[in-house]
Amino acid sequence: MNTNIYKHEFLIRIKSVITWSLSVAALVFVFFSFFTVFADQAEMMADMMSKFPKELLIAFGMDNLNYATILGYISFYFLFIQLCLAIQAGNFGFGLVSIEENEMTADFLLTRPVSRTKILTSKILAAISSMLLTDLVFWVSIFTAVSIFGEGREYDMPTMLLILFSVVLFQLFFFSVGLVISLLLKRIRSVTPYSLGLAFGAYVLSAFSGVFGDVKLELITPFKHFEPAYIIENGAYNTPLVLINVAITLISLAASYWLYKRRDIHAVS
């Protein structure tokens, strides 16, 4: 790793990290401010949800939820947090290399006495650090919101930690897949459409899998790999799906190194 590249890459993302972190924290507090209402009317909510088609509830991960519990309520809105974190990770992945190519500064970087492997490693570590900072803010926000709005209700701490720490592997999936896709394409003018497409595309696959049960789309979408309802019910991750998630992440990262080392970077004319 090159320290100077790492610091530069981390600092250029700090404004984005602050924006994403504050947005996620605000989302957590807004949702949790309604916890008392949902908890007090849990039976009414359950009756109302029972009138919806079961396939629809499964698609949105809202089947068998107990809104009167801390973990059940977190599972209710966790999807929205996942979507935000997926978009952030996708932005970082798609923009890790493509932004410099668009700004015509990639050739300058590659003329420095630093190998492409070290350059990419420094960039990846800086992006991961940025995502972990957002995750840390999310974790602190959750525990703070629980202490303020949770009314002293008890919850299983190991299960809570499993749900919270799942966002790390969840984000790494979108980051690594976004990175390898960006290296497979000749040029990406804007990362936002790609990151939105990847995040919502993965969610749609998860929803279809929930609706059509027998379709094994959960094998390729992290929204199923780290489904909070499954974690709450079993007190553990779905090990086969998590292993698939980690395998896809590692393969994508390995492919990214291979592609980046052989990538033809156009010089400024």
C-alpha atoms as a PDB file:
ATOM      1  CA  MET A   1       0.000   0.000   0.000  1.00  0.00           C
ATOM      2  CA  ASN A   2       1.121   3.552  -0.750  1.00  0.00           C
ATOM      3  CA  THR A   3       0.343   5.874   2.174  1.00  0.00           C
ATOM      4  CA  ASN A   4       0.120   9.041   0.098  1.00  0.00           C
ATOM      5  CA  ILE A   5      -2.360   7.517  -2.347  1.00  0.00           C
ATOM      6  CA  TYR A   6      -4.391   6.092   0.540  1.00  0.00           C
ATOM      7  CA  LYS A   7      -4.613   9.479   2.276  1.00  0.00           C
ATOM      8  CA  HIS A   8      -5.515  11.256  -0.954  1.00  0.00           C
ATOM      9  CA  GLU A   9      -8.226   8.740  -1.841  1.00  0.00           C
ATOM     10  CA  PHE A  10      -9.668   8.846   1.662  1.00  0.00           C
ATOM     11  CA  LEU A  11      -9.720  12.643   1.857  1.00  0.00           C
ATOM     12  CA  ILE A  12     -11.421  13.123  -1.505  1.00  0.00           C
ATOM     13  CA  ARG A  13     -14.286  10.931  -0.229  1.00  0.00           C
ATOM     14  CA  ILE A  14     -14.642  12.519   3.195  1.00  0.00           C
ATOM     15  CA  LYS A  15     -17.428  14.923   2.130  1.00  0.00           C
ATOM     16  CA  SER A  16     -19.335  12.063   0.552  1.00  0.00           C
ATOM     17  CA  VAL A  17     -18.824   9.940   3.670  1.00  0.00           C
ATOM     18  CA  ILE A  18     -20.149  12.716   5.909  1.00  0.00           C
ATOM     19  CA  THR A  19     -23.199  13.170   3.667  1.00  0.00           C
ATOM     20  CA  TRP A  20     -23.991   9.446   3.555  1.00  0.00           C
ATOM     21  CA  SER A  21     -23.347   9.008   7.280  1.00  0.00           C
ATOM     22  CA  LEU A  22     -25.627  11.872   8.287  1.00  0.00           C
ATOM     23  CA  SER A  23     -28.304  10.662   5.875  1.00  0.00           C
ATOM     24  CA  VAL A  24     -28.247   7.135   7.272  1.00  0.00           C
ATOM     25  CA  ALA A  25     -28.243   8.434  10.857  1.00  0.00           C
ATOM     26  CA  ALA A  26     -31.201  10.709  10.102  1.00  0.00           C
ATOM     27  CA  LEU A  27     -33.063   7.797   8.523  1.00  0.00           C
ATOM     28  CA  VAL A  28     -32.473   5.672  11.621  1.00  0.00           C
ATOM     29  CA  PHE A  29     -33.788   8.363  13.986  1.00  0.00           C
ATOM     30  CA  VAL A  30     -36.795   9.181  11.814  1.00  0.00           C
ATOM     31  CA  PHE A  31     -37.850   5.544  11.608  1.00  0.00           C
ATOM     32  CA  PHE A  32     -37.208   4.825  15.283  1.00  0.00           C
ATOM     33  CA  SER A  33     -39.176   7.876  16.383  1.00  0.00           C
ATOM     34  CA  PHE A  34     -42.295   5.920  15.321  1.00  0.00           C
ATOM     35  CA  PHE A  35     -41.346   2.808  17.281  1.00  0.00           C
ATOM     36  CA  THR A  36     -43.690   3.569  20.177  1.00  0.00           C
ATOM     37  CA  VAL A  37     -46.652   3.917  17.838  1.00  0.00           C
ATOM     38  CA  PHE A  38     -45.880   0.627  16.081  1.00  0.00           C
ATOM     39  CA  ALA A  39     -45.209  -1.183  19.360  1.00  0.00           C
ATOM     40  CA  ASP A  40     -48.442  -0.003  20.967  1.00  0.00           C
ATOM     41  CA  GLN A  41     -50.454  -0.999  17.906  1.00  0.00           C
ATOM     42  CA  ALA A  42     -48.555  -4.164  17.031  1.00  0.00           C
ATOM     43  CA  GLU A  43     -51.685  -6.323  16.968  1.00  0.00           C
ATOM     44  CA  MET A  44     -53.492  -3.926  14.658  1.00  0.00           C
ATOM     45  CA  MET A  45     -50.456  -3.820  12.359  1.00  0.00           C
ATOM     46  CA  ALA A  46     -50.319  -7.608  12.309  1.00  0.00           C
ATOM     47  CA  ASP A  47     -54.002  -7.795  11.402  1.00  0.00           C
ATOM     48  CA  MET A  48     -53.551  -5.247   8.644  1.00  0.00           C
ATOM     49  CA  MET A  49     -50.502  -7.039   7.233  1.00  0.00           C
ATOM     50  CA  SER A  50     -52.358 -10.354   7.243  1.00  0.00           C
ATOM     51  CA  LYS A  51     -54.721  -8.924   4.626  1.00  0.00           C
ATOM     52  CA  PHE A  52     -51.885  -8.440   2.149  1.00  0.00           C
ATOM     53  CA  PRO A  53     -50.826 -11.318  -0.139  1.00  0.00           C
ATOM     54  CA  LYS A  54     -48.179 -13.416   1.568  1.00  0.00           C
ATOM     55  CA  GLU A  55     -45.965 -13.264  -1.531  1.00  0.00           C
ATOM     56  CA  LEU A  56     -45.954  -9.462  -1.338  1.00  0.00           C
ATOM     57  CA  LEU A  57     -44.959  -9.503   2.335  1.00  0.00           C
ATOM     58  CA  ILE A  58     -42.146 -11.965   1.604  1.00  0.00           C
ATOM     59  CA  ALA A  59     -40.927  -9.795  -1.271  1.00  0.00           C
ATOM     60  CA  PHE A  60     -40.580  -6.820   1.091  1.00  0.00           C
ATOM     61  CA  GLY A  61     -39.235  -8.940   3.968  1.00  0.00           C
ATOM     62  CA  MET A  62     -42.257  -8.079   6.126  1.00  0.00           C
ATOM     63  CA  ASP A  63     -43.566 -11.565   6.836  1.00  0.00           C
ATOM     64  CA  ASN A  64     -43.554 -12.830  10.452  1.00  0.00           C
ATOM     65  CA  LEU A  65     -42.397  -9.517  11.925  1.00  0.00           C
ATOM     66  CA  ASN A  66     -43.143  -8.531  15.501  1.00  0.00           C
ATOM     67  CA  TYR A  67     -43.283  -4.730  15.527  1.00  0.00           C
ATOM     68  CA  ALA A  68     -43.447  -4.639  19.317  1.00  0.00           C
ATOM     69  CA  THR A  69     -39.830  -5.801  19.654  1.00  0.00           C
ATOM     70  CA  ILE A  70     -36.650  -3.833  18.986  1.00  0.00           C
ATOM     71  CA  LEU A  71     -35.230  -6.402  16.585  1.00  0.00           C
ATOM     72  CA  GLY A  72     -38.531  -6.898  14.774  1.00  0.00           C
ATOM     73  CA  TYR A  73     -38.883  -3.172  14.193  1.00  0.00           C
ATOM     74  CA  ILE A  74     -35.279  -2.870  12.978  1.00  0.00           C
ATOM     75  CA  SER A  75     -35.959  -5.694  10.542  1.00  0.00           C
ATOM     76  CA  PHE A  76     -38.984  -3.735   9.294  1.00  0.00           C
ATOM     77  CA  TYR A  77     -36.970  -0.759   8.010  1.00  0.00           C
ATOM     78  CA  PHE A  78     -33.542  -2.370   7.594  1.00  0.00           C
ATOM     79  CA  LEU A  79     -34.157  -2.708   3.844  1.00  0.00           C
ATOM     80  CA  PHE A  80     -34.074   1.080   3.420  1.00  0.00           C
ATOM     81  CA  ILE A  81     -30.729   1.266   5.223  1.00  0.00           C
ATOM     82  CA  GLN A  82     -29.379  -1.534   3.046  1.00  0.00           C
ATOM     83  CA  LEU A  83     -30.410   0.294  -0.129  1.00  0.00           C
ATOM     84  CA  CYS A  84     -28.590   3.447   0.986  1.00  0.00           C
ATOM     85  CA  LEU A  85     -25.429   1.558   1.894  1.00  0.00           C
ATOM     86  CA  ALA A  86     -25.580  -0.443  -1.354  1.00  0.00           C
ATOM     87  CA  ILE A  87     -25.745   2.753  -3.417  1.00  0.00           C
ATOM     88  CA  GLN A  88     -22.835   4.263  -1.496  1.00  0.00           C
ATOM     89  CA  ALA A  89     -20.714   1.138  -1.968  1.00  0.00           C
ATOM     90  CA  GLY A  90     -21.662   0.991  -5.648  1.00  0.00           C
ATOM     91  CA  ASN A  91     -20.644   4.630  -6.103  1.00  0.00           C
ATOM     92  CA  PHE A  92     -17.244   3.940  -4.570  1.00  0.00           C
ATOM     93  CA  GLY A  93     -16.750   0.791  -6.629  1.00  0.00           C
ATOM     94  CA  PHE A  94     -17.752   2.230  -9.993  1.00  0.00           C
ATOM     95  CA  GLY A  95     -15.831   5.450  -9.372  1.00  0.00           C
ATOM     96  CA  LEU A  96     -12.623   3.983  -7.948  1.00  0.00           C
ATOM     97  CA  VAL A  97     -10.857   3.901 -11.324  1.00  0.00           C
ATOM     98  CA  SER A  98     -13.286   5.502 -13.766  1.00  0.00           C
ATOM     99  CA  ILE A  99     -13.266   8.970 -12.192  1.00  0.00           C
ATOM    100  CA  GLU A 100      -9.544   9.432 -12.793  1.00  0.00           C
ATOM    101  CA  GLU A 101      -9.900   8.225 -16.365  1.00  0.00           C
ATOM    102  CA  ASN A 102     -12.688  10.738 -16.978  1.00  0.00           C
ATOM    103  CA  GLU A 103     -10.638  13.549 -15.439  1.00  0.00           C
ATOM    104  CA  MET A 104      -7.599  12.531 -17.505  1.00  0.00           C
ATOM    105  CA  THR A 105      -5.388  12.125 -14.427  1.00  0.00           C
ATOM    106  CA  ALA A 106      -4.961   8.344 -14.530  1.00  0.00           C
ATOM    107  CA  ASP A 107      -1.962   8.439 -16.837  1.00  0.00           C
ATOM    108  CA  PHE A 108      -0.197  10.893 -14.493  1.00  0.00           C
ATOM    109  CA  LEU A 109      -0.736   8.571 -11.528  1.00  0.00           C
ATOM    110  CA  LEU A 110       0.524   5.540 -13.425  1.00  0.00           C
ATOM    111  CA  THR A 111       3.776   7.289 -14.390  1.00  0.00           C
ATOM    112  CA  ARG A 112       4.765   7.481 -10.723  1.00  0.00           C
ATOM    113  CA  PRO A 113       7.225   4.869  -9.364  1.00  0.00           C
ATOM    114  CA  VAL A 114       4.420   2.828  -7.834  1.00  0.00           C
ATOM    115  CA  SER A 115       3.128  -0.471  -9.179  1.00  0.00           C
ATOM    116  CA  ARG A 116      -0.455  -0.791 -10.363  1.00  0.00           C
ATOM    117  CA  THR A 117      -1.032  -3.394  -7.654  1.00  0.00           C
ATOM    118  CA  LYS A 118      -0.043  -0.930  -4.932  1.00  0.00           C
ATOM    119  CA  ILE A 119      -2.132   1.823  -6.518  1.00  0.00           C
ATOM    120  CA  LEU A 120      -5.264  -0.320  -6.640  1.00  0.00           C
ATOM    121  CA  THR A 121      -4.647  -1.713  -3.144  1.00  0.00           C
ATOM    122  CA  SER A 122      -4.320   1.808  -1.725  1.00  0.00           C
ATOM    123  CA  LYS A 123      -7.500   2.900  -3.476  1.00  0.00           C
ATOM    124  CA  ILE A 124      -9.451  -0.150  -2.289  1.00  0.00           C
ATOM    125  CA  LEU A 125      -8.321   0.244   1.330  1.00  0.00           C
ATOM    126  CA  ALA A 126      -9.250   3.938   1.282  1.00  0.00           C
ATOM    127  CA  ALA A 127     -12.712   3.127  -0.082  1.00  0.00           C
ATOM    128  CA  ILE A 128     -13.215   0.361   2.503  1.00  0.00           C
ATOM    129  CA  SER A 129     -12.154   2.738   5.289  1.00  0.00           C
ATOM    130  CA  SER A 130     -14.692   5.262   4.034  1.00  0.00           C
ATOM    131  CA  MET A 131     -17.479   2.670   4.055  1.00  0.00           C
ATOM    132  CA  LEU A 132     -16.491   1.455   7.526  1.00  0.00           C
ATOM    133  CA  LEU A 133     -16.723   5.026   8.792  1.00  0.00           C
ATOM    134  CA  THR A 134     -20.293   5.224   7.498  1.00  0.00           C
ATOM    135  CA  ASP A 135     -21.048   1.833   9.054  1.00  0.00           C
ATOM    136  CA  LEU A 136     -19.660   3.037  12.389  1.00  0.00           C
ATOM    137  CA  VAL A 137     -21.982   6.049  12.332  1.00  0.00           C
ATOM    138  CA  PHE A 138     -24.867   3.712  11.498  1.00  0.00           C
ATOM    139  CA  TRP A 139     -24.048   1.418  14.429  1.00  0.00           C
ATOM    140  CA  VAL A 140     -23.785   4.326  16.873  1.00  0.00           C
ATOM    141  CA  SER A 141     -27.052   5.756  15.541  1.00  0.00           C
ATOM    142  CA  ILE A 142     -28.880   2.472  16.068  1.00  0.00           C
ATOM    143  CA  PHE A 143     -27.792   2.089  19.694  1.00  0.00           C
ATOM    144  CA  THR A 144     -28.474   5.771  20.390  1.00  0.00           C
ATOM    145  CA  ALA A 145     -31.951   5.546  18.837  1.00  0.00           C
ATOM    146  CA  VAL A 146     -32.709   2.387  20.814  1.00  0.00           C
ATOM    147  CA  SER A 147     -31.683   4.076  24.059  1.00  0.00           C
ATOM    148  CA  ILE A 148     -33.862   7.127  23.282  1.00  0.00           C
ATOM    149  CA  PHE A 149     -36.961   5.552  21.737  1.00  0.00           C
ATOM    150  CA  GLY A 150     -36.738   1.916  22.855  1.00  0.00           C
ATOM    151  CA  GLU A 151     -38.571   2.480  26.154  1.00  0.00           C
ATOM    152  CA  GLY A 152     -36.133   0.178  27.905  1.00  0.00           C
ATOM    153  CA  ARG A 153     -37.311  -2.878  25.979  1.00  0.00           C
ATOM    154  CA  GLU A 154     -34.825  -5.742  26.040  1.00  0.00           C
ATOM    155  CA  TYR A 155     -33.370  -7.388  22.961  1.00  0.00           C
ATOM    156  CA  ASP A 156     -30.841 -10.087  22.161  1.00  0.00           C
ATOM    157  CA  MET A 157     -27.489  -8.336  21.822  1.00  0.00           C
ATOM    158  CA  PRO A 158     -25.672 -11.099  19.819  1.00  0.00           C
ATOM    159  CA  THR A 159     -28.486 -11.094  17.242  1.00  0.00           C
ATOM    160  CA  MET A 160     -28.394  -7.290  17.080  1.00  0.00           C
ATOM    161  CA  LEU A 161     -24.643  -7.387  16.440  1.00  0.00           C
ATOM    162  CA  LEU A 162     -25.074  -9.981  13.704  1.00  0.00           C
ATOM    163  CA  ILE A 163     -27.567  -7.725  11.931  1.00  0.00           C
ATOM    164  CA  LEU A 164     -25.398  -4.625  12.288  1.00  0.00           C
ATOM    165  CA  PHE A 165     -22.118  -6.260  11.251  1.00  0.00           C
ATOM    166  CA  SER A 166     -23.774  -7.799   8.198  1.00  0.00           C
ATOM    167  CA  VAL A 167     -23.617  -4.406   6.477  1.00  0.00           C
ATOM    168  CA  VAL A 168     -19.828  -4.715   6.153  1.00  0.00           C
ATOM    169  CA  LEU A 169     -19.942  -7.820   3.940  1.00  0.00           C
ATOM    170  CA  PHE A 170     -23.092  -6.430   2.305  1.00  0.00           C
ATOM    171  CA  GLN A 171     -21.274  -3.276   1.183  1.00  0.00           C
ATOM    172  CA  LEU A 172     -18.132  -5.135   0.136  1.00  0.00           C
ATOM    173  CA  PHE A 173     -20.253  -7.139  -2.315  1.00  0.00           C
ATOM    174  CA  PHE A 174     -21.589  -4.042  -4.085  1.00  0.00           C
ATOM    175  CA  PHE A 175     -18.209  -2.319  -3.978  1.00  0.00           C
ATOM    176  CA  SER A 176     -16.310  -5.239  -5.508  1.00  0.00           C
ATOM    177  CA  VAL A 177     -18.951  -5.989  -8.153  1.00  0.00           C
ATOM    178  CA  GLY A 178     -19.116  -2.294  -9.065  1.00  0.00           C
ATOM    179  CA  LEU A 179     -15.344  -2.165  -9.363  1.00  0.00           C
ATOM    180  CA  VAL A 180     -15.030  -5.180 -11.645  1.00  0.00           C
ATOM    181  CA  ILE A 181     -17.891  -3.967 -13.859  1.00  0.00           C
ATOM    182  CA  SER A 182     -16.230  -0.555 -14.207  1.00  0.00           C
ATOM    183  CA  LEU A 183     -13.026  -2.261 -15.356  1.00  0.00           C
ATOM    184  CA  LEU A 184     -14.922  -4.363 -17.873  1.00  0.00           C
ATOM    185  CA  LEU A 185     -16.375  -1.216 -19.464  1.00  0.00           C
ATOM    186  CA  LYS A 186     -14.339   1.165 -21.593  1.00  0.00           C
ATOM    187  CA  ARG A 187     -15.646   4.319 -19.959  1.00  0.00           C
ATOM    188  CA  ILE A 188     -18.150   5.354 -17.288  1.00  0.00           C
ATOM    189  CA  ARG A 189     -19.218   8.986 -17.542  1.00  0.00           C
ATOM    190  CA  SER A 190     -21.381   8.956 -14.409  1.00  0.00           C
ATOM    191  CA  VAL A 191     -21.298   6.373 -11.628  1.00  0.00           C
ATOM    192  CA  THR A 192     -24.737   7.175 -10.198  1.00  0.00           C
ATOM    193  CA  PRO A 193     -26.879   5.365 -12.819  1.00  0.00           C
ATOM    194  CA  TYR A 194     -24.697   2.277 -12.524  1.00  0.00           C
ATOM    195  CA  SER A 195     -24.748   2.179  -8.711  1.00  0.00           C
ATOM    196  CA  LEU A 196     -28.509   2.767  -8.640  1.00  0.00           C
ATOM    197  CA  GLY A 197     -29.020   0.057 -11.238  1.00  0.00           C
ATOM    198  CA  LEU A 198     -26.868  -2.422  -9.331  1.00  0.00           C
ATOM    199  CA  ALA A 199     -28.510  -1.712  -5.956  1.00  0.00           C
ATOM    200  CA  PHE A 200     -32.114  -1.738  -7.130  1.00  0.00           C
ATOM    201  CA  GLY A 201     -31.448  -4.577  -9.576  1.00  0.00           C
ATOM    202  CA  ALA A 202     -30.174  -6.743  -6.727  1.00  0.00           C
ATOM    203  CA  TYR A 203     -33.219  -5.817  -4.656  1.00  0.00           C
ATOM    204  CA  VAL A 204     -35.623  -6.665  -7.496  1.00  0.00           C
ATOM    205  CA  LEU A 205     -33.989 -10.082  -7.811  1.00  0.00           C
ATOM    206  CA  SER A 206     -34.487 -10.568  -4.077  1.00  0.00           C
ATOM    207  CA  ALA A 207     -38.135  -9.559  -4.352  1.00  0.00           C
ATOM    208  CA  PHE A 208     -38.748 -11.921  -7.271  1.00  0.00           C
ATOM    209  CA  SER A 209     -37.152 -14.714  -5.284  1.00  0.00           C
ATOM    210  CA  GLY A 210     -39.530 -14.017  -2.414  1.00  0.00           C
ATOM    211  CA  VAL A 211     -42.567 -13.934  -4.690  1.00  0.00           C
ATOM    212  CA  PHE A 212     -41.751 -17.012  -6.755  1.00  0.00           C
ATOM    213  CA  GLY A 213     -40.218 -19.080  -3.955  1.00  0.00           C
ATOM    214  CA  ASP A 214     -38.784 -21.797  -6.182  1.00  0.00           C
ATOM    215  CA  VAL A 215     -36.581 -19.369  -8.136  1.00  0.00           C
ATOM    216  CA  LYS A 216     -33.054 -19.479  -6.668  1.00  0.00           C
ATOM    217  CA  LEU A 217     -32.287 -15.821  -7.258  1.00  0.00           C
ATOM    218  CA  GLU A 218     -31.248 -15.441  -3.625  1.00  0.00           C
ATOM    219  CA  LEU A 219     -27.985 -17.114  -4.593  1.00  0.00           C
ATOM    220  CA  ILE A 220     -26.766 -13.950  -6.302  1.00  0.00           C
ATOM    221  CA  THR A 221     -28.326 -11.088  -4.325  1.00  0.00           C
ATOM    222  CA  PRO A 222     -26.963  -9.935  -0.944  1.00  0.00           C
ATOM    223  CA  PHE A 223     -30.414  -8.724   0.095  1.00  0.00           C
ATOM    224  CA  LYS A 224     -31.150 -12.428   0.613  1.00  0.00           C
ATOM    225  CA  HIS A 225     -27.666 -13.264   1.883  1.00  0.00           C
ATOM    226  CA  PHE A 226     -28.202 -11.017   4.932  1.00  0.00           C
ATOM    227  CA  GLU A 227     -31.952 -11.022   5.448  1.00  0.00           C
ATOM    228  CA  PRO A 228     -32.597  -9.666   8.976  1.00  0.00           C
ATOM    229  CA  ALA A 229     -35.751 -11.764   9.451  1.00  0.00           C
ATOM    230  CA  TYR A 230     -33.691 -14.944   8.954  1.00  0.00           C
ATOM    231  CA  ILE A 231     -30.996 -13.706  11.360  1.00  0.00           C
ATOM    232  CA  ILE A 232     -33.588 -12.897  14.037  1.00  0.00           C
ATOM    233  CA  GLU A 233     -35.366 -16.231  13.654  1.00  0.00           C
ATOM    234  CA  ASN A 234     -32.210 -18.366  13.689  1.00  0.00           C
ATOM    235  CA  GLY A 235     -29.776 -16.231  15.666  1.00  0.00           C
ATOM    236  CA  ALA A 236     -27.179 -16.791  12.945  1.00  0.00           C
ATOM    237  CA  TYR A 237     -26.344 -16.022   9.343  1.00  0.00           C
ATOM    238  CA  ASN A 238     -27.477 -18.215   6.479  1.00  0.00           C
ATOM    239  CA  THR A 239     -24.024 -19.788   6.132  1.00  0.00           C
ATOM    240  CA  PRO A 240     -24.294 -21.130   2.534  1.00  0.00           C
ATOM    241  CA  LEU A 241     -25.546 -17.784   1.230  1.00  0.00           C
ATOM    242  CA  VAL A 242     -22.906 -15.836   3.170  1.00  0.00           C
ATOM    243  CA  LEU A 243     -20.192 -18.069   1.722  1.00  0.00           C
ATOM    244  CA  ILE A 244     -21.557 -17.367  -1.767  1.00  0.00           C
ATOM    245  CA  ASN A 245     -21.489 -13.649  -0.965  1.00  0.00           C
ATOM    246  CA  VAL A 246     -17.860 -13.794   0.206  1.00  0.00           C
ATOM    247  CA  ALA A 247     -16.870 -15.908  -2.812  1.00  0.00           C
ATOM    248  CA  ILE A 248     -18.390 -13.424  -5.277  1.00  0.00           C
ATOM    249  CA  THR A 249     -16.662 -10.551  -3.468  1.00  0.00           C
ATOM    250  CA  LEU A 250     -13.248 -12.225  -3.515  1.00  0.00           C
ATOM    251  CA  ILE A 251     -13.579 -13.319  -7.149  1.00  0.00           C
ATOM    252  CA  SER A 252     -14.603  -9.787  -8.145  1.00  0.00           C
ATOM    253  CA  LEU A 253     -11.631  -8.268  -6.311  1.00  0.00           C
ATOM    254  CA  ALA A 254      -9.200 -10.783  -7.837  1.00  0.00           C
ATOM    255  CA  ALA A 255     -10.630 -10.114 -11.305  1.00  0.00           C
ATOM    256  CA  SER A 256     -10.323  -6.369 -10.688  1.00  0.00           C
ATOM    257  CA  TYR A 257      -6.590  -6.665  -9.988  1.00  0.00           C
ATOM    258  CA  TRP A 258      -6.124  -8.769 -13.114  1.00  0.00           C
ATOM    259  CA  LEU A 259      -8.070  -6.324 -15.289  1.00  0.00           C
ATOM    260  CA  TYR A 260      -6.462  -3.201 -13.822  1.00  0.00           C
ATOM    261  CA  LYS A 261      -2.930  -4.501 -14.362  1.00  0.00           C
ATOM    262  CA  ARG A 262      -3.767  -5.057 -18.039  1.00  0.00           C
ATOM    263  CA  ARG A 263      -5.966  -2.001 -18.570  1.00  0.00           C
ATOM    264  CA  ASP A 264      -5.013   0.336 -21.379  1.00  0.00           C
ATOM    265  CA  ILE A 265      -4.975   3.839 -19.881  1.00  0.00           C
ATOM    266  CA  HIS A 266      -5.170   6.575 -22.494  1.00  0.00           C
ATOM    267  CA  ALA A 267      -2.766   9.447 -22.053  1.00  0.00           C
ATOM    268  CA  VAL A 268      -3.793  13.094 -22.312  1.00  0.00           C
ATOM    269  CA  SER A 269      -3.230  14.202 -25.904  1.00  0.00           C
END
